[in-house]
Amino acid sequence: MLGWELPPHNSGGLGVACYQLCKALSKKDIDLEFILPYKAEHNVDFMKVTAAQPQGVAEILKSGIAYDSYKYVLEDGRVEWHDIYSQQLLYEHSVEKVVGSKPVDIIHAHDWLTFRAALRLKASKGCPVILHVHSVESDRAGGKRGNPLVREIEETSFWLADRIIAVSELTKQKIIADYDIPADKIEVVHNHLDTDNIEQISEVTDYTYLQHLRSQGWHVVTNIGRLTVQKGLVNLLHAAREVIAVEPKTMFLFVGSGEQYNELIELAAELGISKNVVLTGFLRGKAWRDSYAIGDLFVMPSVSEPFGLTVLEAIGYGTPTMMSKQSGVSEVIKNSLKVDFWDIQEMANQIVGAIRNESLRETLSLGASAELERLSWDSAAEQVARLYENSSGKKALAAA
């Protein structure tokens, strides 16, 4: 299995989804080796985790949580820095050396960054390739065409792959529309949430200030995720202005990092709502969990969201949700407010309705929690295992 990240060294939901899927697959007598482009401690005991390091490189380190910078420490002590494009080329060649003469039945690769490496292994090993699509380039570009190099890699890989997994029907239709791939080549396997990983919320929150405001009748609207054009946060800020105009005791909490961080700060100032907007940057652990729990409503207004694990996480921590209709998670969660990402006025109307109506929030929360309990990574792993068997003709697999 080829992937770009695993927790705790992940920048978003991709690493979490890979981790949980592999954990569920490991229960099915499948021998997994997960090959990453960097070296780090992951404390994983259910599969082998390997770093694909080129010859002469002693260590590869990610720069912060971003995808776009990697530090290579060479064996002779020299240091090199690589961006995401040179890194995926180095990864492609390194994976082939790492796998070497190992017996391989299936190659399972996650997103475009690993696709070239998967195809190189397919050529050398002659075994089937399954590509797992968590997003396509038009998603990441907010509905635009995006980077032509990435589009070329995706299109070529989709045509050469044996099977494709899409994380939602929305993503499947995107692959068909963008690249004209036959529908019967693509199987939808929804992401899920392991509710066993939902940790108890402490009575003492990291958001003392927001908790104090809530005791005085304020409400908190939360968004957690990358600060990128794909996530529709500019529209959410414009909706926030409309909400604050009629419900001035409303705070908007943005948790995450990304290239729009400064842009969102400046926009909040231009809209005259800075005092009602908090941007925390990237968080983990207790502060991250408290971000869900402090909210009266969690809002995910993405322009194009292949799935949207943060919605499931919000539900797990007892917070009612609003999501854009342009999201894959809307296919499995019905007890949520839903709005078109572009409809700023309707987004504002629904937020106001939710914060004014405690019984609505409670109904949404209880209904979504019941839906969440019925979801399972085990069912996703069962689908993937069947794909492995159908592709390889074997029931005892060694997936690398």
Protein backbone atom coordinates (compact mmCIF):
# COMPACT_ATOMS: atom_id res chain seq x y z
CA MET A 1 0.00 0.00 0.00
CA LEU A 2 1.38 3.37 -1.06
CA GLY A 3 0.37 6.46 0.92
CA TRP A 4 1.55 9.97 1.59
CA GLU A 5 0.86 10.26 5.32
CA LEU A 6 -0.26 8.53 8.51
CA PRO A 7 -1.20 9.97 11.92
CA PRO A 8 0.20 11.63 13.90
CA HIS A 9 2.16 13.14 10.99
CA ASN A 10 -0.91 13.95 8.89
CA SER A 11 -2.18 17.27 7.59
CA GLY A 12 -5.80 16.17 7.17
CA GLY A 13 -8.28 13.36 6.72
CA LEU A 14 -6.27 11.38 4.14
CA GLY A 15 -3.86 9.98 6.72
CA VAL A 16 -6.67 9.20 9.16
CA ALA A 17 -8.66 7.33 6.50
CA CYS A 18 -5.61 5.30 5.46
CA TYR A 19 -4.84 4.40 9.07
CA GLN A 20 -8.38 3.28 9.90
CA LEU A 21 -8.83 1.32 6.69
CA CYS A 22 -5.54 -0.52 7.18
CA LYS A 23 -6.41 -1.29 10.79
CA ALA A 24 -9.68 -2.87 9.66
CA LEU A 25 -7.97 -4.75 6.80
CA SER A 26 -5.39 -6.20 9.20
CA LYS A 27 -8.20 -8.16 10.88
CA LYS A 28 -8.78 -10.07 7.63
CA ASP A 29 -5.49 -11.96 7.46
CA ILE A 30 -4.07 -9.52 4.92
CA ASP A 31 -0.33 -8.86 5.09
CA LEU A 32 0.08 -5.10 4.69
CA GLU A 33 3.19 -3.03 4.13
CA PHE A 34 2.51 0.72 4.02
CA ILE A 35 5.22 2.71 2.22
CA LEU A 36 5.58 6.40 3.10
CA PRO A 37 7.77 9.15 1.58
CA TYR A 38 9.23 10.13 4.97
CA LYS A 39 10.61 8.56 8.12
CA ALA A 40 8.83 9.02 11.46
CA GLU A 41 7.57 7.15 14.50
CA HIS A 42 3.96 6.00 14.02
CA ASN A 43 3.54 3.36 16.76
CA VAL A 44 1.62 1.05 14.42
CA ASP A 45 1.52 -2.63 15.35
CA PHE A 46 -1.00 -4.01 12.81
CA MET A 47 1.11 -3.51 9.66
CA LYS A 48 4.66 -2.83 8.56
CA VAL A 49 5.40 0.86 7.89
CA THR A 50 8.37 1.57 5.63
CA ALA A 51 10.02 4.81 4.54
CA ALA A 52 10.99 4.98 0.86
CA GLN A 53 14.43 6.56 1.06
CA PRO A 54 16.64 7.03 -2.01
CA GLN A 55 20.17 5.65 -2.01
CA GLY A 56 22.58 7.87 -0.10
CA VAL A 57 19.83 9.46 2.01
CA ALA A 58 20.04 8.91 5.75
CA GLU A 59 16.74 10.55 6.69
CA ILE A 60 13.67 12.23 5.18
CA LEU A 61 11.69 14.67 7.28
CA LYS A 62 8.46 16.49 6.55
CA SER A 63 8.54 20.24 7.08
CA GLY A 64 5.76 20.92 9.59
CA ILE A 65 2.44 19.43 8.46
CA ALA A 66 2.56 20.69 4.89
CA TYR A 67 2.88 18.53 1.79
CA ASP A 68 5.10 21.00 -0.02
CA SER A 69 8.48 20.72 1.70
CA TYR A 70 10.73 17.80 2.61
CA LYS A 71 14.17 17.86 4.19
CA TYR A 72 16.62 15.22 2.95
CA VAL A 73 19.59 14.53 5.22
CA LEU A 74 22.23 12.77 3.12
CA GLU A 75 24.65 10.18 4.48
CA ASP A 76 27.56 12.57 3.94
CA GLY A 77 25.86 15.20 6.11
CA ARG A 78 24.59 17.45 3.33
CA VAL A 79 20.98 18.66 3.38
CA GLU A 80 18.60 19.03 0.45
CA TRP A 81 15.08 20.47 0.31
CA HIS A 82 12.46 19.13 -2.09
CA ASP A 83 9.05 20.43 -3.06
CA ILE A 84 6.04 18.18 -3.56
CA TYR A 85 6.75 17.54 -7.25
CA SER A 86 10.38 16.52 -6.94
CA GLN A 87 9.47 14.53 -3.84
CA GLN A 88 6.87 12.41 -5.63
CA LEU A 89 9.39 11.65 -8.40
CA LEU A 90 11.98 10.56 -5.82
CA TYR A 91 9.29 8.52 -4.06
CA GLU A 92 8.40 6.79 -7.34
CA HIS A 93 11.93 5.49 -7.86
CA SER A 94 12.58 4.76 -4.18
CA VAL A 95 9.43 2.61 -3.84
CA GLU A 96 10.64 0.32 -6.59
CA LYS A 97 13.91 -0.24 -4.74
CA VAL A 98 12.18 -0.74 -1.39
CA VAL A 99 9.83 -3.38 -2.78
CA GLY A 100 12.64 -5.05 -4.72
CA SER A 101 12.10 -8.81 -4.94
CA LYS A 102 9.36 -8.95 -2.28
CA PRO A 103 6.32 -11.04 -3.27
CA VAL A 104 3.45 -8.72 -4.08
CA ASP A 105 -0.15 -9.63 -4.97
CA ILE A 106 -1.81 -6.20 -4.93
CA ILE A 107 -0.64 -2.60 -5.17
CA HIS A 108 -3.08 -0.23 -3.48
CA ALA A 109 -2.20 3.48 -3.90
CA HIS A 110 -3.79 6.56 -2.33
CA ASP A 111 -4.22 9.78 -4.36
CA TRP A 112 -2.15 11.22 -7.22
CA LEU A 113 1.07 11.61 -5.22
CA THR A 114 1.57 7.83 -5.18
CA PHE A 115 0.05 6.90 -8.55
CA ARG A 116 3.26 7.06 -10.60
CA ALA A 117 5.01 4.81 -8.10
CA ALA A 118 2.09 2.37 -8.29
CA LEU A 119 2.29 2.19 -12.09
CA ARG A 120 6.07 1.66 -11.96
CA LEU A 121 5.52 -1.29 -9.59
CA LYS A 122 2.77 -2.63 -11.86
CA ALA A 123 5.24 -2.62 -14.76
CA SER A 124 7.99 -4.36 -12.79
CA LYS A 125 5.85 -6.78 -10.76
CA GLY A 126 3.03 -7.45 -13.18
CA CYS A 127 0.44 -7.37 -10.42
CA PRO A 128 -2.89 -5.50 -10.31
CA VAL A 129 -3.10 -1.85 -9.22
CA ILE A 130 -6.01 -0.40 -7.26
CA LEU A 131 -6.10 3.40 -7.05
CA HIS A 132 -7.90 4.90 -4.05
CA VAL A 133 -9.21 8.39 -4.82
CA HIS A 134 -9.80 10.69 -1.85
CA SER A 135 -10.00 13.75 -4.13
CA VAL A 136 -9.32 14.74 -7.72
CA GLU A 137 -7.53 17.87 -8.89
CA SER A 138 -10.74 19.77 -9.66
CA ASP A 139 -11.79 19.22 -6.02
CA ARG A 140 -8.55 20.67 -4.70
CA ALA A 141 -8.79 23.59 -7.14
CA GLY A 142 -12.26 24.55 -5.92
CA GLY A 143 -14.03 23.43 -9.09
CA LYS A 144 -11.41 24.78 -11.53
CA ARG A 145 -9.16 22.62 -13.73
CA GLY A 146 -6.18 22.99 -11.39
CA ASN A 147 -2.61 21.93 -12.09
CA PRO A 148 -2.21 20.39 -15.60
CA LEU A 149 0.64 18.11 -14.43
CA VAL A 150 -1.52 16.63 -11.67
CA ARG A 151 -4.43 16.20 -14.08
CA GLU A 152 -2.16 14.33 -16.51
CA ILE A 153 -0.96 12.00 -13.75
CA GLU A 154 -4.54 11.34 -12.62
CA GLU A 155 -5.89 10.71 -16.12
CA THR A 156 -3.05 8.39 -17.19
CA SER A 157 -3.20 6.47 -13.92
CA PHE A 158 -6.98 6.04 -14.00
CA TRP A 159 -6.84 4.53 -17.48
CA LEU A 160 -3.95 2.17 -16.62
CA ALA A 161 -5.29 1.04 -13.23
CA ASP A 162 -7.08 -2.27 -12.85
CA ARG A 163 -9.68 -0.88 -10.43
CA ILE A 164 -10.48 2.49 -8.84
CA ILE A 165 -11.94 3.13 -5.38
CA ALA A 166 -13.83 6.41 -4.88
CA VAL A 167 -14.64 7.62 -1.35
CA SER A 168 -18.15 8.68 -2.42
CA GLU A 169 -20.59 8.60 -5.31
CA LEU A 170 -19.82 12.31 -5.71
CA THR A 171 -16.15 11.48 -6.29
CA LYS A 172 -17.02 8.64 -8.67
CA GLN A 173 -19.07 11.01 -10.80
CA LYS A 174 -16.22 13.55 -10.73
CA ILE A 175 -13.79 10.92 -12.06
CA ILE A 176 -16.22 10.03 -14.84
CA ALA A 177 -16.92 13.68 -15.73
CA ASP A 178 -13.31 14.89 -15.57
CA TYR A 179 -11.57 11.91 -17.20
CA ASP A 180 -14.27 9.89 -19.02
CA ILE A 181 -13.43 6.72 -17.06
CA PRO A 182 -15.99 3.87 -17.42
CA ALA A 183 -18.34 3.74 -14.44
CA ASP A 184 -17.97 -0.03 -14.00
CA LYS A 185 -14.25 0.43 -13.30
CA ILE A 186 -14.99 2.48 -10.17
CA GLU A 187 -16.31 1.19 -6.84
CA VAL A 188 -17.57 3.49 -4.09
CA VAL A 189 -16.22 2.73 -0.62
CA HIS A 190 -17.32 5.36 1.89
CA ASN A 191 -15.04 6.51 4.67
CA HIS A 192 -16.21 5.95 8.22
CA LEU A 193 -15.27 6.88 11.77
CA ASP A 194 -14.00 4.50 14.43
CA THR A 195 -16.14 5.63 17.37
CA ASP A 196 -13.76 3.82 19.74
CA ASN A 197 -11.32 6.66 19.05
CA ILE A 198 -13.73 9.31 20.35
CA GLU A 199 -12.10 10.37 23.60
CA GLN A 200 -13.91 11.67 26.64
CA ILE A 201 -14.17 15.45 26.72
CA SER A 202 -12.74 17.02 29.86
CA GLU A 203 -14.90 19.37 31.91
CA VAL A 204 -12.07 21.90 31.71
CA THR A 205 -11.90 23.22 28.15
CA ASP A 206 -8.97 24.87 26.40
CA TYR A 207 -11.45 27.53 25.26
CA THR A 208 -11.98 29.32 28.59
CA TYR A 209 -12.81 32.59 26.82
CA LEU A 210 -15.44 31.02 24.55
CA GLN A 211 -16.89 29.04 27.45
CA HIS A 212 -17.26 32.30 29.40
CA LEU A 213 -19.03 33.91 26.43
CA ARG A 214 -21.39 30.95 26.15
CA SER A 215 -22.33 31.38 29.81
CA GLN A 216 -23.44 34.90 28.86
CA GLY A 217 -25.69 33.74 26.02
CA TRP A 218 -23.23 33.61 23.13
CA HIS A 219 -23.14 30.83 20.53
CA VAL A 220 -20.14 29.27 18.79
CA VAL A 221 -20.07 28.12 15.17
CA THR A 222 -17.06 25.90 14.42
CA ASN A 223 -15.18 24.90 11.29
CA ILE A 224 -12.22 22.49 11.39
CA GLY A 225 -10.09 21.73 8.34
CA ARG A 226 -7.50 23.04 5.92
CA LEU A 227 -7.77 26.73 5.06
CA THR A 228 -7.91 26.32 1.28
CA VAL A 229 -10.14 27.44 -1.58
CA GLN A 230 -11.69 23.94 -1.71
CA LYS A 231 -13.23 24.38 1.74
CA GLY A 232 -15.46 27.36 0.89
CA LEU A 233 -14.41 29.43 3.91
CA VAL A 234 -14.67 32.79 2.14
CA ASN A 235 -18.38 32.09 1.64
CA LEU A 236 -18.70 31.09 5.30
CA LEU A 237 -17.21 34.42 6.40
CA HIS A 238 -19.66 36.32 4.19
CA ALA A 239 -22.47 34.25 5.72
CA ALA A 240 -21.02 35.00 9.17
CA ARG A 241 -21.49 38.73 8.56
CA GLU A 242 -25.19 38.13 7.83
CA VAL A 243 -25.52 35.98 10.97
CA ILE A 244 -23.79 38.51 13.22
CA ALA A 245 -26.04 41.29 11.89
CA VAL A 246 -29.07 39.58 13.49
CA GLU A 247 -27.33 37.49 16.18
CA PRO A 248 -24.37 39.63 17.33
CA LYS A 249 -23.58 37.21 20.16
CA THR A 250 -22.15 34.62 17.75
CA MET A 251 -18.50 33.59 17.53
CA PHE A 252 -16.99 31.80 14.53
CA LEU A 253 -14.11 29.45 15.35
CA PHE A 254 -11.80 28.33 12.51
CA VAL A 255 -9.33 25.55 13.37
CA GLY A 256 -6.69 24.61 10.82
CA SER A 257 -3.86 25.90 8.69
CA GLY A 258 -3.43 26.58 4.99
CA GLU A 259 -2.62 29.16 2.36
CA GLN A 260 -5.80 31.16 3.07
CA TYR A 261 -4.91 31.89 6.71
CA ASN A 262 -3.89 35.54 6.16
CA GLU A 263 -6.57 36.05 3.51
CA LEU A 264 -9.30 35.02 5.96
CA ILE A 265 -7.94 37.33 8.67
CA GLU A 266 -7.95 40.24 6.21
CA LEU A 267 -11.43 39.39 4.93
CA ALA A 268 -12.86 39.24 8.46
CA ALA A 269 -11.45 42.74 9.02
CA GLU A 270 -12.88 44.05 5.73
CA LEU A 271 -16.29 42.63 6.64
CA GLY A 272 -16.12 44.28 10.06
CA ILE A 273 -16.50 41.03 12.02
CA SER A 274 -12.96 40.47 13.35
CA LYS A 275 -14.09 40.56 16.98
CA ASN A 276 -16.42 37.62 16.25
CA VAL A 277 -13.84 35.46 14.43
CA VAL A 278 -11.09 33.28 15.96
CA LEU A 279 -8.46 31.47 13.85
CA THR A 280 -6.41 29.06 15.96
CA GLY A 281 -4.05 27.51 13.42
CA PHE A 282 -3.46 23.74 13.30
CA LEU A 283 -4.33 21.85 16.50
CA ARG A 284 -4.02 18.30 17.81
CA GLY A 285 -5.03 16.43 20.95
CA LYS A 286 -7.19 18.01 23.62
CA ALA A 287 -7.39 21.44 21.98
CA TRP A 288 -8.58 19.81 18.74
CA ARG A 289 -11.25 17.75 20.57
CA ASP A 290 -12.39 20.79 22.54
CA SER A 291 -12.85 22.66 19.24
CA TYR A 292 -15.64 20.25 18.32
CA ALA A 293 -17.19 20.17 21.80
CA ILE A 294 -17.32 23.97 22.29
CA GLY A 295 -19.42 24.45 19.16
CA ASP A 296 -23.19 24.84 19.06
CA LEU A 297 -23.01 24.04 15.35
CA PHE A 298 -20.26 22.59 13.13
CA VAL A 299 -20.25 23.95 9.57
CA MET A 300 -18.45 22.40 6.57
CA PRO A 301 -19.22 24.68 3.56
CA SER A 302 -16.86 23.01 1.06
CA VAL A 303 -16.99 23.91 -2.62
CA SER A 304 -16.25 20.26 -3.41
CA GLU A 305 -15.70 17.75 -0.60
CA PRO A 306 -15.04 14.17 -1.75
CA PHE A 307 -16.07 12.90 1.67
CA GLY A 308 -15.69 15.06 4.80
CA LEU A 309 -14.51 13.11 7.86
CA THR A 310 -14.71 16.22 10.05
CA VAL A 311 -18.51 15.98 9.93
CA LEU A 312 -18.37 12.47 11.41
CA GLU A 313 -15.90 13.68 14.04
CA ALA A 314 -18.21 16.55 15.00
CA ILE A 315 -21.12 14.13 15.34
CA GLY A 316 -18.91 11.85 17.47
CA TYR A 317 -18.30 14.71 19.87
CA GLY A 318 -22.02 15.50 20.07
CA THR A 319 -22.14 18.62 17.89
CA PRO A 320 -24.93 19.14 15.32
CA THR A 321 -23.71 19.80 11.79
CA MET A 322 -24.29 21.71 8.60
CA MET A 323 -22.62 20.54 5.38
CA SER A 324 -22.56 21.63 1.79
CA LYS A 325 -24.65 19.55 -0.59
CA GLN A 326 -21.42 19.19 -2.60
CA SER A 327 -19.97 16.69 -0.10
CA GLY A 328 -19.64 12.90 -0.08
CA VAL A 329 -20.53 12.58 3.59
CA SER A 330 -24.04 13.83 2.77
CA GLU A 331 -24.59 10.41 1.15
CA VAL A 332 -24.35 8.64 4.52
CA ILE A 333 -25.54 11.28 7.03
CA LYS A 334 -29.12 12.52 6.64
CA ASN A 335 -29.57 14.22 10.05
CA SER A 336 -27.68 17.39 9.16
CA LEU A 337 -28.50 20.80 7.77
CA LYS A 338 -27.50 20.97 4.09
CA VAL A 339 -26.91 23.94 1.83
CA ASP A 340 -25.32 24.73 -1.54
CA PHE A 341 -21.82 26.11 -0.91
CA TRP A 342 -22.54 29.20 -3.02
CA ASP A 343 -25.84 30.15 -1.32
CA ILE A 344 -24.49 32.53 1.30
CA GLN A 345 -27.90 33.86 2.34
CA GLU A 346 -29.38 30.39 2.86
CA MET A 347 -26.23 29.36 4.75
CA ALA A 348 -26.71 32.34 7.06
CA ASN A 349 -30.44 31.61 7.46
CA GLN A 350 -29.80 28.01 8.48
CA ILE A 351 -27.06 28.98 10.94
CA VAL A 352 -29.36 31.53 12.57
CA GLY A 353 -32.18 28.99 12.71
CA ALA A 354 -29.91 26.43 14.38
CA ILE A 355 -28.43 28.70 17.04
CA ARG A 356 -31.89 30.03 17.91
CA ASN A 357 -33.46 26.58 18.20
CA GLU A 358 -31.98 24.30 20.85
CA SER A 359 -34.48 21.53 20.15
CA LEU A 360 -33.45 21.48 16.48
CA ARG A 361 -29.80 21.14 17.46
CA GLU A 362 -30.64 18.32 19.85
CA THR A 363 -32.71 16.49 17.21
CA LEU A 364 -29.92 16.77 14.64
CA SER A 365 -27.32 15.58 17.13
CA LEU A 366 -29.29 12.56 18.34
CA GLY A 367 -30.31 11.50 14.84
CA ALA A 368 -26.78 11.82 13.44
CA SER A 369 -25.31 9.93 16.39
CA ALA A 370 -27.63 7.00 15.65
CA GLU A 371 -26.53 7.07 12.00
CA LEU A 372 -22.87 7.17 13.03
CA GLU A 373 -23.28 4.07 15.17
CA ARG A 374 -24.40 2.13 12.11
CA LEU A 375 -21.27 3.05 10.13
CA SER A 376 -18.16 0.86 10.32
CA TRP A 377 -14.67 0.69 8.87
CA ASP A 378 -15.11 -3.08 8.95
CA SER A 379 -17.72 -2.88 6.18
CA ALA A 380 -15.37 -0.68 4.11
CA ALA A 381 -12.55 -3.20 4.67
CA GLU A 382 -14.86 -6.02 3.54
CA GLN A 383 -15.49 -4.21 0.25
CA VAL A 384 -11.76 -3.60 -0.27
CA ALA A 385 -10.87 -7.21 0.59
CA ARG A 386 -13.36 -8.44 -2.04
CA LEU A 387 -11.70 -6.15 -4.57
CA TYR A 388 -8.32 -7.66 -3.66
CA GLU A 389 -9.65 -11.18 -4.15
CA ASN A 390 -11.38 -10.38 -7.43
CA SER A 391 -8.30 -8.60 -8.78
CA SER A 392 -5.68 -11.15 -7.71
CA GLY A 393 -7.68 -14.37 -7.63
CA LYS A 394 -6.22 -15.08 -4.19
CA LYS A 395 -7.76 -15.13 -0.74
CA ALA A 396 -4.47 -15.12 1.16
CA LEU A 397 -2.88 -11.83 0.19
CA ALA A 398 0.35 -9.99 0.75
CA ALA A 399 -0.43 -6.37 -0.08
CA ALA A 400 2.49 -4.01 -0.50
